[in-house]
N, C-alpha and C. Protein backbone atom coordinates (compact mmCIF):
# COMPACT_ATOMS: atom_id res chain seq x y z
N MET A 1 27.12 21.51 23.99
CA MET A 1 26.80 22.32 23.19
C MET A 1 25.34 22.93 22.86
N GLN A 2 25.10 23.93 23.14
CA GLN A 2 23.71 24.64 22.98
C GLN A 2 22.93 24.14 21.73
N THR A 3 23.76 24.16 20.84
CA THR A 3 23.38 24.05 19.48
C THR A 3 23.05 22.46 19.19
N LEU A 4 23.46 21.55 19.75
CA LEU A 4 23.42 20.10 19.76
C LEU A 4 22.07 19.88 20.79
N GLN A 5 22.11 20.26 21.72
CA GLN A 5 21.03 19.97 22.53
C GLN A 5 19.95 20.67 22.07
N PHE A 6 19.65 21.82 21.48
CA PHE A 6 18.79 22.26 20.75
C PHE A 6 17.93 21.36 19.71
N TYR A 7 19.10 20.76 18.82
CA TYR A 7 18.84 19.80 17.74
C TYR A 7 17.92 18.57 18.18
N GLU A 8 18.69 18.31 19.76
CA GLU A 8 18.00 16.82 20.32
C GLU A 8 16.79 17.25 20.71
N ALA A 9 16.18 18.29 21.18
CA ALA A 9 14.95 18.79 21.34
C ALA A 9 14.01 18.62 20.15
N VAL A 10 14.34 18.93 18.93
CA VAL A 10 13.97 19.04 17.59
C VAL A 10 13.31 17.85 17.43
N ARG A 11 14.04 16.63 17.70
CA ARG A 11 13.33 15.38 17.34
C ARG A 11 12.08 15.09 18.21
N GLU A 12 11.49 15.79 19.27
CA GLU A 12 10.52 15.67 19.62
C GLU A 12 9.24 16.50 19.05
N TRP A 13 9.78 17.56 18.26
CA TRP A 13 8.78 18.58 17.81
C TRP A 13 7.81 17.96 17.05
N PRO A 14 6.64 18.53 16.93
CA PRO A 14 5.74 18.03 15.64
C PRO A 14 6.01 18.73 14.44
N VAL A 15 7.05 18.64 13.81
CA VAL A 15 7.29 19.31 12.77
C VAL A 15 8.04 18.11 11.70
N ASP A 16 7.51 18.24 10.25
CA ASP A 16 7.93 17.17 9.34
C ASP A 16 9.38 17.72 8.74
N ILE A 17 9.44 18.84 8.44
CA ILE A 17 11.01 19.24 7.87
C ILE A 17 11.43 20.24 8.83
N VAL A 18 13.32 19.94 8.81
CA VAL A 18 13.87 20.66 9.63
C VAL A 18 15.17 21.25 8.94
N TYR A 19 15.33 22.51 8.82
CA TYR A 19 16.21 23.36 8.26
C TYR A 19 17.73 23.33 8.85
N LEU A 20 18.86 22.55 8.66
CA LEU A 20 20.01 22.86 9.31
C LEU A 20 20.92 23.83 9.12
N GLY A 21 21.48 24.86 9.84
CA GLY A 21 22.52 25.31 9.54
C GLY A 21 22.62 26.87 9.53
N GLU A 22 23.30 27.66 9.58
CA GLU A 22 23.20 29.20 9.64
C GLU A 22 23.05 29.46 8.32
N THR A 23 21.93 30.46 8.17
CA THR A 23 21.87 31.06 6.44
C THR A 23 21.89 32.71 6.48
N VAL A 24 22.11 33.34 7.81
CA VAL A 24 22.55 34.43 7.69
C VAL A 24 23.98 34.89 7.95
N CYS A 25 24.76 34.38 8.90
CA CYS A 25 26.14 34.89 9.18
C CYS A 25 26.90 33.34 9.15
N SER A 26 27.74 34.00 7.91
CA SER A 26 28.71 32.72 7.89
C SER A 26 29.98 32.55 8.82
N ARG A 27 29.87 33.60 9.83
CA ARG A 27 31.15 33.56 10.74
C ARG A 27 30.46 32.50 12.20
N ARG A 28 29.48 32.15 11.96
CA ARG A 28 29.07 31.16 13.46
C ARG A 28 29.46 29.73 12.99
N HIS A 29 30.65 29.58 13.15
CA HIS A 29 30.84 27.81 12.70
C HIS A 29 31.17 27.03 14.13
N GLU A 30 29.90 26.98 14.83
CA GLU A 30 29.90 26.10 16.28
C GLU A 30 30.27 24.62 15.77
N LEU A 31 29.22 24.39 14.64
CA LEU A 31 29.43 22.82 14.14
C LEU A 31 30.16 22.95 12.80
N ARG A 32 30.90 21.66 12.89
CA ARG A 32 31.79 21.30 11.64
C ARG A 32 30.85 20.64 10.41
N PHE A 33 31.11 20.58 8.98
CA PHE A 33 30.22 19.98 8.29
C PHE A 33 30.03 18.64 8.53
N GLN A 34 31.12 17.89 8.89
CA GLN A 34 30.63 16.47 9.67
C GLN A 34 29.40 16.51 11.07
N ASP A 35 29.79 17.29 11.76
CA ASP A 35 28.76 17.44 12.75
C ASP A 35 27.09 17.73 12.21
N TRP A 36 27.13 18.85 11.59
CA TRP A 36 25.87 18.97 10.55
C TRP A 36 25.26 17.64 10.14
N LEU A 37 26.05 16.48 9.47
CA LEU A 37 25.90 15.78 9.02
C LEU A 37 25.15 14.57 9.91
N GLU A 38 25.90 14.50 11.11
CA GLU A 38 25.62 13.59 12.02
C GLU A 38 24.01 14.02 12.55
N VAL A 39 24.17 15.73 12.86
CA VAL A 39 22.72 15.92 13.17
C VAL A 39 21.64 15.40 12.56
N ALA A 40 21.92 15.74 10.99
CA ALA A 40 21.10 15.34 9.94
C ALA A 40 20.53 13.83 10.05
N ASP A 41 21.37 12.91 10.10
CA ASP A 41 21.06 11.71 10.51
C ASP A 41 20.23 11.48 11.74
N MET A 42 20.46 12.14 12.77
CA MET A 42 19.68 11.88 13.95
C MET A 42 18.42 12.10 13.82
N LEU A 43 18.16 13.34 13.13
CA LEU A 43 16.90 13.86 12.72
C LEU A 43 16.02 13.09 11.81
N ASN A 44 17.28 12.58 10.93
CA ASN A 44 16.33 11.66 9.92
C ASN A 44 15.79 10.18 10.72
N ASP A 45 16.48 9.65 11.55
CA ASP A 45 16.21 8.47 12.26
C ASP A 45 15.09 9.06 13.29
N ALA A 46 14.73 10.07 13.46
CA ALA A 46 13.35 10.61 14.19
C ALA A 46 12.12 10.83 13.33
N GLY A 47 12.60 10.59 12.29
CA GLY A 47 11.52 10.62 11.19
C GLY A 47 11.16 11.88 10.59
N LYS A 48 12.54 12.93 10.49
CA LYS A 48 12.21 14.38 9.86
C LYS A 48 13.07 14.31 8.89
N ASN A 49 12.49 15.36 7.80
CA ASN A 49 12.64 15.44 6.43
C ASN A 49 13.93 16.58 6.97
N VAL A 50 15.29 16.32 6.66
CA VAL A 50 15.91 17.33 6.79
C VAL A 50 16.84 18.09 5.43
N VAL A 51 16.95 19.54 5.81
CA VAL A 51 17.27 20.32 4.74
C VAL A 51 18.56 20.91 5.02
N LEU A 52 19.68 20.47 4.38
CA LEU A 52 20.89 21.19 4.74
C LEU A 52 21.11 23.04 4.08
N SER A 53 20.95 24.05 4.90
CA SER A 53 21.15 25.36 4.37
C SER A 53 22.38 25.68 4.13
N THR A 54 22.28 26.66 2.94
CA THR A 54 23.41 27.36 2.22
C THR A 54 24.75 27.24 2.87
N GLN A 55 24.73 27.77 3.90
CA GLN A 55 26.34 28.14 4.69
C GLN A 55 26.82 26.81 5.11
N VAL A 56 25.92 25.74 5.68
CA VAL A 56 26.54 24.40 5.58
C VAL A 56 27.13 23.87 4.69
N LEU A 57 26.68 23.95 3.40
CA LEU A 57 27.13 23.12 2.05
C LEU A 57 28.32 24.10 2.03
N LEU A 58 28.38 25.35 2.28
CA LEU A 58 29.62 26.08 1.48
C LEU A 58 30.80 26.08 2.67
N MET A 59 30.60 25.57 3.82
CA MET A 59 31.56 25.52 5.10
C MET A 59 32.92 25.09 4.39
N ASP A 60 33.00 24.10 3.45
CA ASP A 60 34.30 23.84 3.33
C ASP A 60 34.72 24.08 2.07
N VAL A 61 34.72 25.39 1.90
CA VAL A 61 35.31 25.84 0.31
C VAL A 61 36.25 25.40 -0.23
N LEU A 62 37.28 25.06 0.69
CA LEU A 62 38.72 24.64 0.15
C LEU A 62 38.67 23.40 -0.82
N LYS A 63 37.57 22.48 -0.51
CA LYS A 63 37.42 21.07 -0.91
C LYS A 63 35.96 21.14 -1.19
N PRO A 64 35.49 21.70 -2.21
CA PRO A 64 33.89 21.61 -2.65
C PRO A 64 33.68 19.96 -3.06
N GLY A 65 34.68 19.34 -3.87
CA GLY A 65 34.42 18.15 -4.22
C GLY A 65 33.97 17.05 -2.79
N ARG A 66 34.94 17.51 -1.91
CA ARG A 66 34.49 16.71 -0.77
C ARG A 66 33.17 16.69 -0.21
N VAL A 67 32.64 17.93 -0.12
CA VAL A 67 31.40 18.17 0.47
C VAL A 67 30.30 17.21 -0.54
N LEU A 68 30.22 17.50 -2.00
CA LEU A 68 29.42 16.75 -2.69
C LEU A 68 29.48 15.71 -2.55
N SER A 69 30.69 15.11 -2.76
CA SER A 69 30.81 13.43 -2.35
C SER A 69 30.27 12.98 -0.93
N THR A 70 30.43 13.49 -0.09
CA THR A 70 30.00 13.35 1.22
C THR A 70 28.38 13.00 1.39
N LEU A 71 27.96 14.33 0.76
CA LEU A 71 26.38 14.32 0.58
C LEU A 71 26.10 12.71 -0.12
N LEU A 72 26.62 12.93 -1.33
CA LEU A 72 26.03 11.73 -2.03
C LEU A 72 26.01 10.32 -1.39
N ARG A 73 27.09 10.12 -0.35
CA ARG A 73 27.50 9.11 0.27
C ARG A 73 26.21 8.88 1.31
N HIS A 74 25.81 10.14 1.97
CA HIS A 74 24.56 10.08 2.80
C HIS A 74 23.84 9.92 2.23
N ALA A 75 23.37 10.08 0.95
CA ALA A 75 22.04 10.04 0.52
C ALA A 75 21.70 8.60 -0.07
N ALA A 76 22.84 7.74 -0.12
CA ALA A 76 22.25 6.60 -0.36
C ALA A 76 22.15 5.75 0.68
């Protein structure tokens, strides 16, 4: 998948902050919420500060409490 390959390359970029997700078009769902969290973990392990963009956080609108609890577990 090109999106994952892109973020694998980002690990080597000379940037401190990486914004993940689609902020323009909510119809582009190449990755699931859990996939975004795995990418965030990979980039965090590479020393990047990761910011989840709005659409990533809204992806699971049917169970918003699950999104929040998952984010809190990852923050710990």
